[in-house]
Amino acid sequence: MPGKSKRERRSGCPVSVSLEVLGDRWSLLIIRDLMVRGFRRFKDFQGSSEGIATNILADRLRKLEAAGIVIAEVEEKDARKINYRLTQKGIDLAPALLELMVWGARHEETSAPCVFIDQVERQREQFLAEVRRRWRERDLTPLLPEFKGMKELRKETGRKNR
């Protein structure tokens, strides 16, 4: 299969191999932000509600680039700036991210509106087609809303920690 790493793997199981590349706390969130939130620059990720530390962000972007999931491109107008973009390998994660989003909203307490999740779940193919169109056309318009953090949600609804 293409994309095999030269280093030793724990096992040949596709789930295990995938988790070796993506199985940390931040990588899929960075991919999500590139894919559906229109993030491109380091400062975009820093301003995210997720609160990733700069050293971890730099490390994850480097690892995702080394894995061929993200590419760093020099900005045409200002060569001092770097824009990050998903590769084909990266955009191919869209179905997995969609299913994680639906699963999380169905089985855990989240701030994703049920109406939004129901719509995405019913229209999976259209949602994925739109993600791919925006990627091809370099359309930075956010596709997903910024979901509130759980602290803010609890304050609004008066819910206690689980």
N, C-alpha and C. Protein backbone atom coordinates (compact mmCIF):
# COMPACT_ATOMS: atom_id res chain seq x y z
N MET A 1 0.83 -1.18 0.00
CA MET A 1 0.00 0.00 0.00
C MET A 1 0.88 1.24 0.00
N PRO A 2 0.48 2.32 -0.68
CA PRO A 2 1.25 3.54 -0.67
C PRO A 2 1.27 4.17 0.71
N GLY A 3 2.32 4.96 0.97
CA GLY A 3 2.40 5.70 2.21
C GLY A 3 2.94 4.90 3.38
N LYS A 4 3.47 3.72 3.13
CA LYS A 4 4.02 2.93 4.22
C LYS A 4 5.25 3.63 4.78
N SER A 5 5.37 3.61 6.07
CA SER A 5 6.52 4.20 6.74
C SER A 5 7.66 3.20 6.76
N LYS A 6 8.88 3.73 6.75
CA LYS A 6 10.05 2.85 6.79
C LYS A 6 10.33 2.36 8.20
N ARG A 7 9.76 3.03 9.21
CA ARG A 7 10.00 2.59 10.57
C ARG A 7 9.10 1.41 10.92
N GLU A 8 9.48 0.72 11.95
CA GLU A 8 8.71 -0.45 12.37
C GLU A 8 7.37 -0.05 12.96
N ARG A 9 6.36 -0.81 12.65
CA ARG A 9 5.01 -0.61 13.17
C ARG A 9 4.77 -1.59 14.31
N ARG A 10 3.85 -1.22 15.20
CA ARG A 10 3.46 -2.14 16.28
C ARG A 10 2.85 -3.40 15.71
N SER A 11 2.02 -3.20 14.68
CA SER A 11 1.38 -4.33 14.02
C SER A 11 1.00 -3.90 12.61
N GLY A 12 0.53 -4.84 11.84
CA GLY A 12 0.08 -4.53 10.49
C GLY A 12 -1.39 -4.18 10.42
N CYS A 13 -2.06 -4.13 11.56
CA CYS A 13 -3.49 -3.82 11.60
C CYS A 13 -3.70 -2.39 11.10
N PRO A 14 -4.60 -2.17 10.13
CA PRO A 14 -4.85 -0.82 9.61
C PRO A 14 -5.28 0.19 10.68
N VAL A 15 -6.04 -0.26 11.69
CA VAL A 15 -6.44 0.66 12.76
C VAL A 15 -5.21 1.08 13.56
N SER A 16 -4.36 0.12 13.88
CA SER A 16 -3.14 0.42 14.63
C SER A 16 -2.23 1.38 13.86
N VAL A 17 -2.05 1.11 12.58
CA VAL A 17 -1.20 1.96 11.74
C VAL A 17 -1.78 3.37 11.67
N SER A 18 -3.09 3.48 11.49
CA SER A 18 -3.74 4.80 11.44
C SER A 18 -3.57 5.55 12.75
N LEU A 19 -3.71 4.85 13.86
CA LEU A 19 -3.55 5.50 15.15
C LEU A 19 -2.11 5.94 15.41
N GLU A 20 -1.15 5.25 14.84
CA GLU A 20 0.24 5.70 14.98
C GLU A 20 0.42 7.07 14.34
N VAL A 21 -0.31 7.35 13.27
CA VAL A 21 -0.21 8.64 12.59
C VAL A 21 -1.13 9.67 13.22
N LEU A 22 -2.36 9.28 13.57
CA LEU A 22 -3.40 10.24 13.96
C LEU A 22 -3.86 10.13 15.41
N GLY A 23 -3.30 9.22 16.17
CA GLY A 23 -3.86 8.89 17.47
C GLY A 23 -3.43 9.75 18.64
N ASP A 24 -3.23 11.03 18.43
CA ASP A 24 -2.95 11.91 19.57
C ASP A 24 -4.13 12.86 19.73
N ARG A 25 -4.05 13.68 20.73
CA ARG A 25 -5.16 14.55 21.09
C ARG A 25 -5.42 15.65 20.07
N TRP A 26 -4.43 16.06 19.29
CA TRP A 26 -4.55 17.26 18.47
C TRP A 26 -4.62 17.05 16.97
N SER A 27 -4.07 16.00 16.44
CA SER A 27 -3.92 15.85 14.99
C SER A 27 -5.25 15.92 14.24
N LEU A 28 -6.25 15.19 14.69
CA LEU A 28 -7.54 15.22 13.99
C LEU A 28 -8.24 16.57 14.12
N LEU A 29 -7.98 17.29 15.21
CA LEU A 29 -8.57 18.62 15.35
C LEU A 29 -7.92 19.61 14.39
N ILE A 30 -6.63 19.48 14.17
CA ILE A 30 -5.94 20.31 13.18
C ILE A 30 -6.48 19.99 11.80
N ILE A 31 -6.63 18.72 11.50
CA ILE A 31 -7.17 18.31 10.20
C ILE A 31 -8.60 18.83 10.05
N ARG A 32 -9.41 18.71 11.09
CA ARG A 32 -10.78 19.25 11.05
C ARG A 32 -10.77 20.75 10.72
N ASP A 33 -9.89 21.49 11.39
CA ASP A 33 -9.85 22.94 11.18
C ASP A 33 -9.39 23.30 9.77
N LEU A 34 -8.49 22.54 9.22
CA LEU A 34 -8.08 22.75 7.83
C LEU A 34 -9.21 22.39 6.88
N MET A 35 -9.92 21.33 7.20
CA MET A 35 -10.93 20.77 6.31
C MET A 35 -12.22 21.58 6.28
N VAL A 36 -12.71 21.99 7.43
CA VAL A 36 -14.05 22.57 7.45
C VAL A 36 -14.17 23.93 8.13
N ARG A 37 -13.06 24.44 8.65
CA ARG A 37 -13.13 25.75 9.30
C ARG A 37 -12.36 26.83 8.55
N GLY A 38 -11.69 26.47 7.49
CA GLY A 38 -10.99 27.46 6.69
C GLY A 38 -9.66 27.92 7.29
N PHE A 39 -9.14 27.20 8.27
CA PHE A 39 -7.86 27.59 8.85
C PHE A 39 -6.74 27.32 7.85
N ARG A 40 -5.74 28.18 7.82
CA ARG A 40 -4.60 28.01 6.93
C ARG A 40 -3.28 28.37 7.60
N ARG A 41 -3.31 29.30 8.52
CA ARG A 41 -2.08 29.80 9.12
C ARG A 41 -1.94 29.34 10.56
N PHE A 42 -0.71 29.34 11.01
CA PHE A 42 -0.40 28.96 12.38
C PHE A 42 -1.26 29.74 13.37
N LYS A 43 -1.39 31.06 13.13
CA LYS A 43 -2.15 31.91 14.06
C LYS A 43 -3.64 31.55 14.07
N ASP A 44 -4.16 31.00 12.97
CA ASP A 44 -5.56 30.55 12.96
C ASP A 44 -5.78 29.46 14.01
N PHE A 45 -4.84 28.51 14.06
CA PHE A 45 -4.96 27.41 15.01
C PHE A 45 -4.78 27.92 16.44
N GLN A 46 -3.87 28.86 16.62
CA GLN A 46 -3.64 29.44 17.96
C GLN A 46 -4.88 30.12 18.48
N GLY A 47 -5.65 30.76 17.60
CA GLY A 47 -6.86 31.47 18.01
C GLY A 47 -8.06 30.58 18.22
N SER A 48 -7.92 29.30 17.95
CA SER A 48 -9.02 28.35 18.09
C SER A 48 -9.43 28.20 19.54
N SER A 49 -10.66 27.83 19.75
CA SER A 49 -11.18 27.62 21.11
C SER A 49 -10.59 26.37 21.76
N GLU A 50 -9.87 25.56 21.02
CA GLU A 50 -9.33 24.32 21.56
C GLU A 50 -8.16 24.55 22.52
N GLY A 51 -7.43 25.66 22.35
CA GLY A 51 -6.36 26.02 23.28
C GLY A 51 -5.09 25.20 23.15
N ILE A 52 -4.66 24.91 21.94
CA ILE A 52 -3.43 24.14 21.74
C ILE A 52 -2.20 25.02 21.98
N ALA A 53 -1.23 24.50 22.69
CA ALA A 53 0.02 25.22 22.95
C ALA A 53 0.83 25.33 21.65
N THR A 54 1.57 26.41 21.51
CA THR A 54 2.31 26.65 20.26
C THR A 54 3.33 25.56 19.97
N ASN A 55 4.02 25.06 20.99
CA ASN A 55 5.02 24.02 20.75
C ASN A 55 4.37 22.72 20.27
N ILE A 56 3.20 22.41 20.81
CA ILE A 56 2.48 21.19 20.39
C ILE A 56 1.94 21.38 18.98
N LEU A 57 1.39 22.56 18.70
CA LEU A 57 0.88 22.85 17.37
C LEU A 57 1.98 22.72 16.32
N ALA A 58 3.13 23.31 16.59
CA ALA A 58 4.25 23.22 15.64
C ALA A 58 4.67 21.77 15.44
N ASP A 59 4.72 21.00 16.51
CA ASP A 59 5.10 19.59 16.43
C ASP A 59 4.09 18.79 15.61
N ARG A 60 2.80 18.99 15.86
CA ARG A 60 1.78 18.23 15.13
C ARG A 60 1.76 18.61 13.66
N LEU A 61 1.90 19.89 13.34
CA LEU A 61 1.94 20.29 11.94
C LEU A 61 3.14 19.65 11.24
N ARG A 62 4.27 19.61 11.91
CA ARG A 62 5.47 18.95 11.35
C ARG A 62 5.22 17.47 11.12
N LYS A 63 4.61 16.80 12.10
CA LYS A 63 4.33 15.36 11.96
C LYS A 63 3.31 15.09 10.86
N LEU A 64 2.28 15.91 10.77
CA LEU A 64 1.28 15.73 9.72
C LEU A 64 1.88 15.98 8.34
N GLU A 65 2.81 16.92 8.26
CA GLU A 65 3.50 17.17 6.99
C GLU A 65 4.41 15.99 6.64
N ALA A 66 5.13 15.47 7.62
CA ALA A 66 6.01 14.32 7.39
C ALA A 66 5.21 13.09 6.96
N ALA A 67 3.98 12.97 7.44
CA ALA A 67 3.12 11.83 7.09
C ALA A 67 2.43 12.03 5.74
N GLY A 68 2.61 13.21 5.13
CA GLY A 68 1.99 13.46 3.82
C GLY A 68 0.52 13.83 3.90
N ILE A 69 0.06 14.27 5.07
CA ILE A 69 -1.34 14.63 5.26
C ILE A 69 -1.56 16.11 5.05
N VAL A 70 -0.54 16.89 5.36
CA VAL A 70 -0.58 18.35 5.26
C VAL A 70 0.63 18.80 4.46
N ILE A 71 0.46 19.87 3.71
CA ILE A 71 1.59 20.48 3.00
C ILE A 71 1.68 21.93 3.45
N ALA A 72 2.91 22.39 3.63
CA ALA A 72 3.15 23.79 3.98
C ALA A 72 3.53 24.52 2.69
N GLU A 73 2.79 25.56 2.37
CA GLU A 73 3.03 26.33 1.14
C GLU A 73 3.39 27.76 1.50
N VAL A 74 4.37 28.30 0.81
CA VAL A 74 4.74 29.70 1.01
C VAL A 74 3.66 30.56 0.36
N GLU A 75 3.22 31.57 1.08
CA GLU A 75 2.18 32.47 0.56
C GLU A 75 2.76 33.29 -0.60
N GLU A 76 2.01 33.39 -1.68
CA GLU A 76 2.47 34.10 -2.87
C GLU A 76 2.74 35.58 -2.60
N LYS A 77 1.85 36.23 -1.86
CA LYS A 77 1.96 37.67 -1.63
C LYS A 77 3.01 38.04 -0.59
N ASP A 78 3.32 37.14 0.31
CA ASP A 78 4.29 37.41 1.37
C ASP A 78 5.04 36.13 1.69
N ALA A 79 6.25 36.01 1.16
CA ALA A 79 7.03 34.77 1.29
C ALA A 79 7.41 34.45 2.73
N ARG A 80 7.19 35.38 3.65
CA ARG A 80 7.48 35.10 5.06
C ARG A 80 6.38 34.29 5.72
N LYS A 81 5.23 34.20 5.07
CA LYS A 81 4.08 33.50 5.64
C LYS A 81 3.91 32.12 5.03
N ILE A 82 3.51 31.19 5.88
CA ILE A 82 3.26 29.81 5.46
C ILE A 82 1.78 29.51 5.61
N ASN A 83 1.21 28.90 4.59
CA ASN A 83 -0.17 28.42 4.63
C ASN A 83 -0.13 26.91 4.63
N TYR A 84 -0.95 26.31 5.46
CA TYR A 84 -1.06 24.85 5.51
C TYR A 84 -2.29 24.44 4.72
N ARG A 85 -2.17 23.29 4.08
CA ARG A 85 -3.25 22.76 3.24
C ARG A 85 -3.23 21.25 3.32
N LEU A 86 -4.41 20.66 3.32
CA LEU A 86 -4.49 19.20 3.28
C LEU A 86 -4.06 18.70 1.92
N THR A 87 -3.41 17.56 1.90
CA THR A 87 -3.10 16.86 0.66
C THR A 87 -4.29 15.96 0.32
N GLN A 88 -4.19 15.24 -0.77
CA GLN A 88 -5.24 14.26 -1.11
C GLN A 88 -5.38 13.25 0.02
N LYS A 89 -4.26 12.82 0.56
CA LYS A 89 -4.27 11.88 1.68
C LYS A 89 -5.03 12.47 2.87
N GLY A 90 -4.85 13.76 3.10
CA GLY A 90 -5.53 14.42 4.20
C GLY A 90 -7.02 14.58 3.98
N ILE A 91 -7.40 15.01 2.78
CA ILE A 91 -8.82 15.22 2.50
C ILE A 91 -9.57 13.88 2.50
N ASP A 92 -8.86 12.79 2.23
CA ASP A 92 -9.48 11.47 2.28
C ASP A 92 -9.91 11.06 3.69
N LEU A 93 -9.53 11.85 4.70
CA LEU A 93 -9.98 11.60 6.07
C LEU A 93 -11.38 12.17 6.33
N ALA A 94 -11.95 12.89 5.37
CA ALA A 94 -13.25 13.52 5.58
C ALA A 94 -14.34 12.54 6.04
N PRO A 95 -14.49 11.38 5.43
CA PRO A 95 -15.54 10.46 5.92
C PRO A 95 -15.32 10.02 7.37
N ALA A 96 -14.07 9.80 7.73
CA ALA A 96 -13.77 9.38 9.12
C ALA A 96 -14.12 10.49 10.10
N LEU A 97 -13.77 11.73 9.76
CA LEU A 97 -14.09 12.86 10.64
C LEU A 97 -15.60 13.07 10.75
N LEU A 98 -16.30 12.91 9.64
CA LEU A 98 -17.76 13.04 9.66
C LEU A 98 -18.36 12.00 10.61
N GLU A 99 -17.92 10.77 10.51
CA GLU A 99 -18.46 9.72 11.37
C GLU A 99 -18.10 9.95 12.83
N LEU A 100 -16.90 10.47 13.12
CA LEU A 100 -16.53 10.79 14.50
C LEU A 100 -17.42 11.90 15.05
N MET A 101 -17.72 12.88 14.23
CA MET A 101 -18.58 13.98 14.65
C MET A 101 -19.99 13.46 14.97
N VAL A 102 -20.54 12.67 14.09
CA VAL A 102 -21.89 12.13 14.31
C VAL A 102 -21.90 11.22 15.53
N TRP A 103 -20.92 10.35 15.65
CA TRP A 103 -20.84 9.45 16.80
C TRP A 103 -20.74 10.24 18.10
N GLY A 104 -19.84 11.22 18.14
CA GLY A 104 -19.67 12.02 19.34
C GLY A 104 -20.94 12.75 19.75
N ALA A 105 -21.64 13.32 18.77
CA ALA A 105 -22.87 14.05 19.07
C ALA A 105 -23.99 13.12 19.52
N ARG A 106 -24.00 11.90 19.01
CA ARG A 106 -25.05 10.94 19.38
C ARG A 106 -24.83 10.31 20.77
N HIS A 107 -23.57 10.12 21.13
CA HIS A 107 -23.28 9.33 22.32
C HIS A 107 -22.63 10.07 23.48
N GLU A 108 -22.26 11.31 23.27
CA GLU A 108 -21.62 12.09 24.32
C GLU A 108 -22.27 13.46 24.41
N GLU A 109 -22.04 14.15 25.52
CA GLU A 109 -22.54 15.51 25.68
C GLU A 109 -21.64 16.44 24.87
N THR A 110 -22.22 17.12 23.88
CA THR A 110 -21.47 18.07 23.06
C THR A 110 -22.30 19.35 22.92
N SER A 111 -21.69 20.35 22.30
CA SER A 111 -22.43 21.59 22.06
C SER A 111 -22.95 21.67 20.62
N ALA A 112 -22.82 20.57 19.87
CA ALA A 112 -23.32 20.54 18.50
C ALA A 112 -24.84 20.49 18.50
N PRO A 113 -25.49 21.41 17.81
CA PRO A 113 -26.95 21.38 17.77
C PRO A 113 -27.47 20.10 17.12
N CYS A 114 -28.44 19.48 17.74
CA CYS A 114 -29.00 18.22 17.23
C CYS A 114 -29.51 18.38 15.80
N VAL A 115 -30.11 19.52 15.49
CA VAL A 115 -30.63 19.75 14.14
C VAL A 115 -29.49 19.70 13.12
N PHE A 116 -28.36 20.31 13.46
CA PHE A 116 -27.20 20.30 12.56
C PHE A 116 -26.69 18.87 12.36
N ILE A 117 -26.54 18.13 13.43
CA ILE A 117 -26.03 16.75 13.34
C ILE A 117 -27.01 15.88 12.55
N ASP A 118 -28.31 16.03 12.79
CA ASP A 118 -29.31 15.26 12.04
C ASP A 118 -29.20 15.54 10.54
N GLN A 119 -29.05 16.82 10.20
CA GLN A 119 -28.94 17.21 8.79
C GLN A 119 -27.68 16.60 8.16
N VAL A 120 -26.56 16.71 8.84
CA VAL A 120 -25.31 16.16 8.32
C VAL A 120 -25.41 14.64 8.18
N GLU A 121 -26.02 14.01 9.16
CA GLU A 121 -26.16 12.54 9.13
C GLU A 121 -27.04 12.09 7.96
N ARG A 122 -28.12 12.81 7.70
CA ARG A 122 -29.03 12.46 6.60
C ARG A 122 -28.41 12.75 5.24
N GLN A 123 -27.52 13.74 5.19
CA GLN A 123 -26.96 14.18 3.92
C GLN A 123 -25.44 13.98 3.87
N ARG A 124 -24.99 12.81 4.32
CA ARG A 124 -23.56 12.52 4.37
C ARG A 124 -22.85 12.79 3.04
N GLU A 125 -23.40 12.24 1.99
CA GLU A 125 -22.74 12.34 0.68
C GLU A 125 -22.63 13.78 0.21
N GLN A 126 -23.68 14.56 0.41
CA GLN A 126 -23.64 15.98 0.01
C GLN A 126 -22.63 16.74 0.85
N PHE A 127 -22.59 16.45 2.15
CA PHE A 127 -21.63 17.11 3.04
C PHE A 127 -20.19 16.80 2.59
N LEU A 128 -19.92 15.53 2.33
CA LEU A 128 -18.57 15.13 1.91
C LEU A 128 -18.23 15.73 0.54
N ALA A 129 -19.19 15.79 -0.35
CA ALA A 129 -18.96 16.40 -1.67
C ALA A 129 -18.62 17.88 -1.51
N GLU A 130 -19.29 18.56 -0.59
CA GLU A 130 -19.00 19.98 -0.36
C GLU A 130 -17.62 20.18 0.27
N VAL A 131 -17.24 19.30 1.18
CA VAL A 131 -15.89 19.36 1.77
C VAL A 131 -14.85 19.23 0.67
N ARG A 132 -15.03 18.26 -0.21
CA ARG A 132 -14.06 18.05 -1.30
C ARG A 132 -14.07 19.20 -2.30
N ARG A 133 -15.23 19.75 -2.60
CA ARG A 133 -15.29 20.90 -3.52
C ARG A 133 -14.52 22.09 -2.95
N ARG A 134 -14.76 22.37 -1.69
CA ARG A 134 -14.07 23.50 -1.06
C ARG A 134 -12.56 23.27 -1.04
N TRP A 135 -12.15 22.03 -0.82
CA TRP A 135 -10.72 21.72 -0.83
C TRP A 135 -10.14 21.94 -2.23
N ARG A 136 -10.80 21.39 -3.25
CA ARG A 136 -10.32 21.54 -4.63
C ARG A 136 -10.21 23.01 -5.03
N GLU A 137 -11.23 23.77 -4.68
CA GLU A 137 -11.31 25.18 -5.09
C GLU A 137 -10.61 26.13 -4.12
N ARG A 138 -10.03 25.57 -3.07
CA ARG A 138 -9.35 26.38 -2.04
C ARG A 138 -10.29 27.41 -1.43
N ASP A 139 -11.52 27.01 -1.24
CA ASP A 139 -12.55 27.86 -0.65
C ASP A 139 -12.38 27.80 0.87
N LEU A 140 -12.08 28.94 1.48
CA LEU A 140 -11.82 28.98 2.92
C LEU A 140 -13.06 29.29 3.76
N THR A 141 -14.21 29.35 3.14
CA THR A 141 -15.44 29.61 3.88
C THR A 141 -15.68 28.47 4.87
N PRO A 142 -15.82 28.79 6.16
CA PRO A 142 -16.07 27.71 7.13
C PRO A 142 -17.33 26.93 6.80
N LEU A 143 -17.24 25.62 6.91
CA LEU A 143 -18.38 24.74 6.65
C LEU A 143 -19.07 24.33 7.95
N LEU A 144 -18.30 24.22 9.01
CA LEU A 144 -18.85 23.87 10.32
C LEU A 144 -18.91 25.11 11.19
N PRO A 145 -19.94 25.20 12.03
CA PRO A 145 -19.96 26.31 12.99
C PRO A 145 -18.91 26.07 14.07
N GLU A 146 -18.53 27.13 14.75
CA GLU A 146 -17.63 27.01 15.90
C GLU A 146 -18.51 26.56 17.06
N PHE A 147 -18.35 25.32 17.51
CA PHE A 147 -19.14 24.82 18.62
C PHE A 147 -18.59 25.40 19.91
N LYS A 148 -19.48 25.74 20.80
CA LYS A 148 -19.06 26.32 22.08
C LYS A 148 -18.28 25.28 22.87
N GLY A 149 -17.35 25.78 23.68
CA GLY A 149 -16.64 24.90 24.60
C GLY A 149 -17.60 24.40 25.67
N MET A 150 -17.28 23.29 26.27
CA MET A 150 -18.18 22.70 27.25
C MET A 150 -18.35 23.60 28.47
N LYS A 151 -17.33 24.36 28.88
CA LYS A 151 -17.47 25.27 30.01
C LYS A 151 -18.54 26.32 29.73
N GLU A 152 -18.49 26.91 28.53
CA GLU A 152 -19.47 27.92 28.15
C GLU A 152 -20.87 27.31 28.07
N LEU A 153 -20.96 26.10 27.52
CA LEU A 153 -22.26 25.43 27.40
C LEU A 153 -22.85 25.17 28.79
N ARG A 154 -22.04 24.70 29.72
CA ARG A 154 -22.53 24.43 31.07
C ARG A 154 -23.01 25.71 31.76
N LYS A 155 -22.30 26.81 31.54
CA LYS A 155 -22.71 28.08 32.14
C LYS A 155 -24.08 28.49 31.60
N GLU A 156 -24.29 28.36 30.30
CA GLU A 156 -25.56 28.75 29.68
C GLU A 156 -26.72 27.88 30.12
N THR A 157 -26.47 26.59 30.25
CA THR A 157 -27.56 25.66 30.52
C THR A 157 -27.67 25.28 32.00
N GLY A 158 -26.68 25.68 32.79
CA GLY A 158 -26.70 25.34 34.21
C GLY A 158 -26.33 23.89 34.48
N ARG A 159 -25.76 23.19 33.49
CA ARG A 159 -25.37 21.77 33.67
C ARG A 159 -24.10 21.69 34.51
N LYS A 160 -24.01 20.64 35.28
CA LYS A 160 -22.82 20.36 36.09
C LYS A 160 -21.89 19.48 35.27
N ASN A 161 -20.62 19.40 35.72
CA ASN A 161 -19.67 18.47 35.09
C ASN A 161 -20.20 17.06 35.24
N ARG A 162 -19.91 16.25 34.24
CA ARG A 162 -20.38 14.86 34.27
C ARG A 162 -19.59 14.05 35.25
